[in-house]
Amino acid sequence: MRKFIKRHPFLAYAVVFIVWDLPQWLASVWSLISANPIIKSLSYTLQKREIALPHFSPYWITTALALAMAGMIMREVRRRPLPKELPTLDSLDDMELHRQAANWLAASLSDKKLCIQRAILFGSVVHDNYATTDVDVIIFGKPMSDRKLKRVGRKLKGEMGEQFKERFGHRLHLQLYTAMEKERMEAFLKGLSKYEELRLENRQ
């Protein structure tokens, strides 16, 4: 939902206008035409044509809006699983950054829709001898179509990268490997002095 609003702010405002402002605007315009409320005039017109109109109640509107909002909230919660432990933004030291970032990444990358088989931390975040500037992660994906691979890559580097930067104040650097690039990934791992495998819940 936040991504949609960022990409289409004018369309999002139009939806808000329709839901919130348009009924009041129509009522104001109608008051220039007739002294009777629009619902009362509509009811009278329908009665003349022998069409029964149920009694109007504000709950018709508030209930529909509440159900729509609840549906959107449930959809967002199911699509973006929350990490088990939310990190704080209060000047994390390197050790605490390492612990909380690893927990957040493991929870976020366990989403089955991402089709990730392995996730590995490397670089400054796993070392104690120099400060962390960004967080490097190797992502190894399960077999998937090229179309889905591009979609997953955009989600990881775009949406997840923004969320990580907002939470931790550090840039998330992802290095993606497909299922066909396993040997190249293993060769890269052999060249690292230290790395840490994240425990993904959906790993098979």
Protein backbone atom coordinates (compact mmCIF):
# COMPACT_ATOMS: atom_id res chain seq x y z
CA MET A 1 0.00 0.00 0.00
CA ARG A 2 2.82 2.42 0.84
CA LYS A 3 4.54 1.51 -2.43
CA PHE A 4 1.33 2.21 -4.39
CA ILE A 5 0.94 5.61 -2.72
CA LYS A 6 4.56 6.53 -3.54
CA ARG A 7 4.13 5.56 -7.19
CA HIS A 8 0.62 6.99 -7.68
CA PRO A 9 0.09 9.84 -5.16
CA PHE A 10 -2.54 11.64 -7.26
CA LEU A 11 -4.55 8.47 -7.78
CA ALA A 12 -4.38 7.69 -4.06
CA TYR A 13 -5.63 11.20 -3.24
CA ALA A 14 -8.44 10.78 -5.77
CA VAL A 15 -9.57 7.64 -3.93
CA VAL A 16 -9.50 9.52 -0.62
CA PHE A 17 -11.48 12.35 -2.19
CA ILE A 18 -14.13 9.98 -3.51
CA VAL A 19 -14.52 8.17 -0.19
CA TRP A 20 -14.28 11.18 2.10
CA ASP A 21 -14.97 14.50 0.35
CA LEU A 22 -17.23 13.69 -2.59
CA PRO A 23 -20.43 12.90 -0.58
CA GLN A 24 -20.14 16.18 1.30
CA TRP A 25 -19.50 18.08 -1.95
CA LEU A 26 -22.53 16.46 -3.61
CA ALA A 27 -24.68 17.35 -0.61
CA SER A 28 -23.57 20.98 -0.89
CA VAL A 29 -24.34 21.10 -4.59
CA TRP A 30 -27.71 19.42 -4.01
CA SER A 31 -28.65 22.05 -1.43
CA LEU A 32 -28.52 24.65 -4.22
CA ILE A 33 -31.10 22.67 -6.19
CA SER A 34 -33.49 21.47 -3.49
CA ALA A 35 -34.23 22.27 0.15
CA ASN A 36 -34.79 18.57 0.90
CA PRO A 37 -31.85 16.25 1.61
CA ILE A 38 -30.77 14.14 -1.35
CA ILE A 39 -31.74 10.86 0.35
CA LYS A 40 -35.22 12.19 1.14
CA SER A 41 -35.70 13.42 -2.43
CA LEU A 42 -34.54 10.08 -3.83
CA SER A 43 -36.88 8.21 -1.50
CA TYR A 44 -39.82 10.40 -2.56
CA THR A 45 -39.03 9.86 -6.27
CA LEU A 46 -38.85 6.11 -5.84
CA GLN A 47 -42.07 6.02 -3.83
CA LYS A 48 -43.86 7.82 -6.67
CA ARG A 49 -42.72 5.01 -8.95
CA GLU A 50 -43.83 2.46 -6.36
CA ILE A 51 -40.26 1.35 -5.59
CA ALA A 52 -39.59 0.73 -1.91
CA LEU A 53 -36.36 2.18 -0.48
CA PRO A 54 -35.01 0.70 2.77
CA HIS A 55 -34.49 3.04 5.68
CA PHE A 56 -31.13 4.78 5.33
CA SER A 57 -28.59 4.28 8.11
CA PRO A 58 -25.07 5.76 8.52
CA TYR A 59 -23.90 2.22 9.28
CA TRP A 60 -24.24 1.46 5.55
CA ILE A 61 -21.20 3.67 4.98
CA THR A 62 -19.20 3.16 8.18
CA THR A 63 -19.51 -0.63 8.09
CA ALA A 64 -18.37 -0.80 4.46
CA LEU A 65 -15.39 1.46 5.16
CA ALA A 66 -14.43 -0.51 8.28
CA LEU A 67 -14.55 -3.82 6.40
CA ALA A 68 -12.48 -2.39 3.55
CA MET A 69 -9.84 -1.02 5.92
CA ALA A 70 -9.69 -4.27 7.88
CA GLY A 71 -9.25 -6.20 4.63
CA MET A 72 -6.34 -3.98 3.54
CA ILE A 73 -4.66 -4.31 6.94
CA MET A 74 -4.98 -8.12 6.89
CA ARG A 75 -3.59 -8.21 3.36
CA GLU A 76 -0.55 -6.12 4.34
CA VAL A 77 0.13 -8.23 7.45
CA ARG A 78 -0.06 -11.50 5.51
CA ARG A 79 2.12 -10.21 2.67
CA ARG A 80 4.86 -8.74 4.88
CA PRO A 81 5.63 -11.02 7.86
CA LEU A 82 6.94 -9.01 10.79
CA PRO A 83 10.26 -9.94 12.36
CA LYS A 84 10.08 -11.62 15.74
CA GLU A 85 12.02 -8.80 17.32
CA LEU A 86 11.69 -5.24 16.09
CA PRO A 87 14.99 -3.34 16.13
CA THR A 88 15.44 0.13 17.53
CA LEU A 89 17.06 3.06 15.76
CA ASP A 90 18.96 4.40 18.77
CA SER A 91 22.61 4.34 17.63
CA LEU A 92 23.16 0.60 17.55
CA ASP A 93 26.72 -0.57 18.13
CA ASP A 94 28.18 -3.05 15.64
CA MET A 95 27.47 -6.15 17.75
CA GLU A 96 23.83 -5.19 18.38
CA LEU A 97 23.39 -4.14 14.75
CA HIS A 98 24.68 -7.55 13.68
CA ARG A 99 22.27 -9.41 15.97
CA GLN A 100 19.16 -7.40 15.16
CA ALA A 101 19.86 -7.12 11.43
CA ALA A 102 20.38 -10.89 11.22
CA ASN A 103 17.05 -11.53 12.99
CA TRP A 104 15.21 -9.04 10.79
CA LEU A 105 16.67 -10.40 7.57
CA ALA A 106 16.04 -14.04 8.54
CA ALA A 107 12.38 -13.27 9.28
CA SER A 108 11.83 -11.12 6.19
CA LEU A 109 13.62 -13.45 3.76
CA SER A 110 11.66 -16.46 5.04
CA ASP A 111 8.64 -15.29 3.06
CA LYS A 112 7.75 -18.24 0.81
CA LYS A 113 6.78 -15.92 -2.02
CA LEU A 114 10.42 -14.82 -2.36
CA CYS A 115 11.57 -18.41 -3.08
CA ILE A 116 14.90 -17.95 -1.28
CA GLN A 117 16.88 -21.08 -0.46
CA ARG A 118 19.88 -19.53 1.31
CA ALA A 119 20.81 -16.15 2.77
CA ILE A 120 24.35 -15.42 3.94
CA LEU A 121 25.81 -12.40 5.73
CA PHE A 122 29.35 -11.34 4.85
CA GLY A 123 31.51 -8.24 4.89
CA SER A 124 31.90 -5.73 7.68
CA VAL A 125 28.80 -6.78 9.62
CA VAL A 126 30.32 -10.19 10.50
CA HIS A 127 33.72 -8.77 11.47
CA ASP A 128 34.61 -7.14 14.77
CA ASN A 129 37.76 -5.38 13.63
CA TYR A 130 36.19 -2.59 11.53
CA ALA A 131 33.04 -0.52 11.58
CA THR A 132 29.93 -1.46 9.61
CA THR A 133 29.07 0.91 6.76
CA ASP A 134 26.54 -1.25 4.92
CA VAL A 135 25.19 -4.78 5.36
CA ASP A 136 26.19 -7.31 2.69
CA VAL A 137 23.96 -10.32 2.04
CA ILE A 138 24.26 -13.17 -0.45
CA ILE A 139 20.87 -14.39 -1.68
CA PHE A 140 20.58 -17.81 -3.35
CA GLY A 141 17.20 -18.38 -4.98
CA LYS A 142 15.27 -21.54 -5.69
CA PRO A 143 14.55 -22.46 -9.33
CA MET A 144 12.06 -19.96 -10.81
CA SER A 145 11.12 -18.34 -14.09
CA ASP A 146 13.03 -15.30 -15.38
CA ARG A 147 9.91 -13.17 -14.94
CA LYS A 148 9.54 -14.13 -11.28
CA LEU A 149 13.27 -13.72 -10.70
CA LYS A 150 13.08 -10.11 -11.90
CA ARG A 151 10.03 -9.46 -9.70
CA VAL A 152 11.76 -10.92 -6.63
CA GLY A 153 14.91 -8.94 -7.36
CA ARG A 154 12.97 -5.67 -7.57
CA LYS A 155 11.21 -6.43 -4.29
CA LEU A 156 14.44 -7.29 -2.48
CA LYS A 157 16.52 -4.38 -3.73
CA GLY A 158 13.69 -1.86 -3.70
CA GLU A 159 11.06 -2.36 -1.02
CA MET A 160 13.14 -4.45 1.40
CA GLY A 161 16.18 -2.24 0.94
CA GLU A 162 14.15 0.86 1.83
CA GLN A 163 12.66 -0.83 4.90
CA PHE A 164 16.10 -1.92 6.09
CA LYS A 165 17.57 1.57 5.65
CA GLU A 166 14.64 3.07 7.53
CA ARG A 167 15.03 0.66 10.47
CA PHE A 168 18.79 0.46 10.81
CA GLY A 169 20.18 3.54 9.10
CA HIS A 170 22.49 1.41 6.93
CA ARG A 171 22.33 0.48 3.26
CA LEU A 172 21.46 -3.13 2.42
CA HIS A 173 23.72 -4.54 -0.28
CA LEU A 174 22.26 -7.72 -1.82
CA GLN A 175 24.20 -10.04 -4.10
CA LEU A 176 21.76 -12.34 -5.91
CA TYR A 177 22.54 -15.79 -7.28
CA THR A 178 20.10 -17.95 -9.21
CA ALA A 179 19.77 -21.72 -8.89
CA MET A 180 21.95 -22.06 -12.02
CA GLU A 181 24.76 -20.07 -10.40
CA LYS A 182 25.42 -22.35 -7.43
CA GLU A 183 29.03 -23.11 -8.38
CA ARG A 184 29.82 -19.41 -8.84
CA MET A 185 28.33 -18.65 -5.42
CA GLU A 186 30.31 -21.46 -3.77
CA ALA A 187 33.50 -20.13 -5.35
CA PHE A 188 32.72 -16.65 -4.00
CA LEU A 189 32.15 -18.06 -0.50
CA LYS A 190 35.50 -19.85 -0.58
CA GLY A 191 37.19 -16.52 -1.11
CA LEU A 192 35.66 -14.98 2.01
CA SER A 193 37.52 -15.07 5.29
CA LYS A 194 34.28 -15.10 7.29
CA TYR A 195 30.56 -15.35 6.62
CA GLU A 196 27.38 -16.32 8.46
CA GLU A 197 24.46 -18.39 7.19
CA LEU A 198 21.05 -17.08 8.18
CA ARG A 199 18.47 -19.61 9.39
CA LEU A 200 15.45 -19.29 7.11
CA GLU A 201 12.18 -20.81 8.29
CA ASN A 202 11.17 -22.06 4.84
CA ARG A 203 14.53 -23.57 3.91
CA GLN A 204 14.27 -27.13 2.62
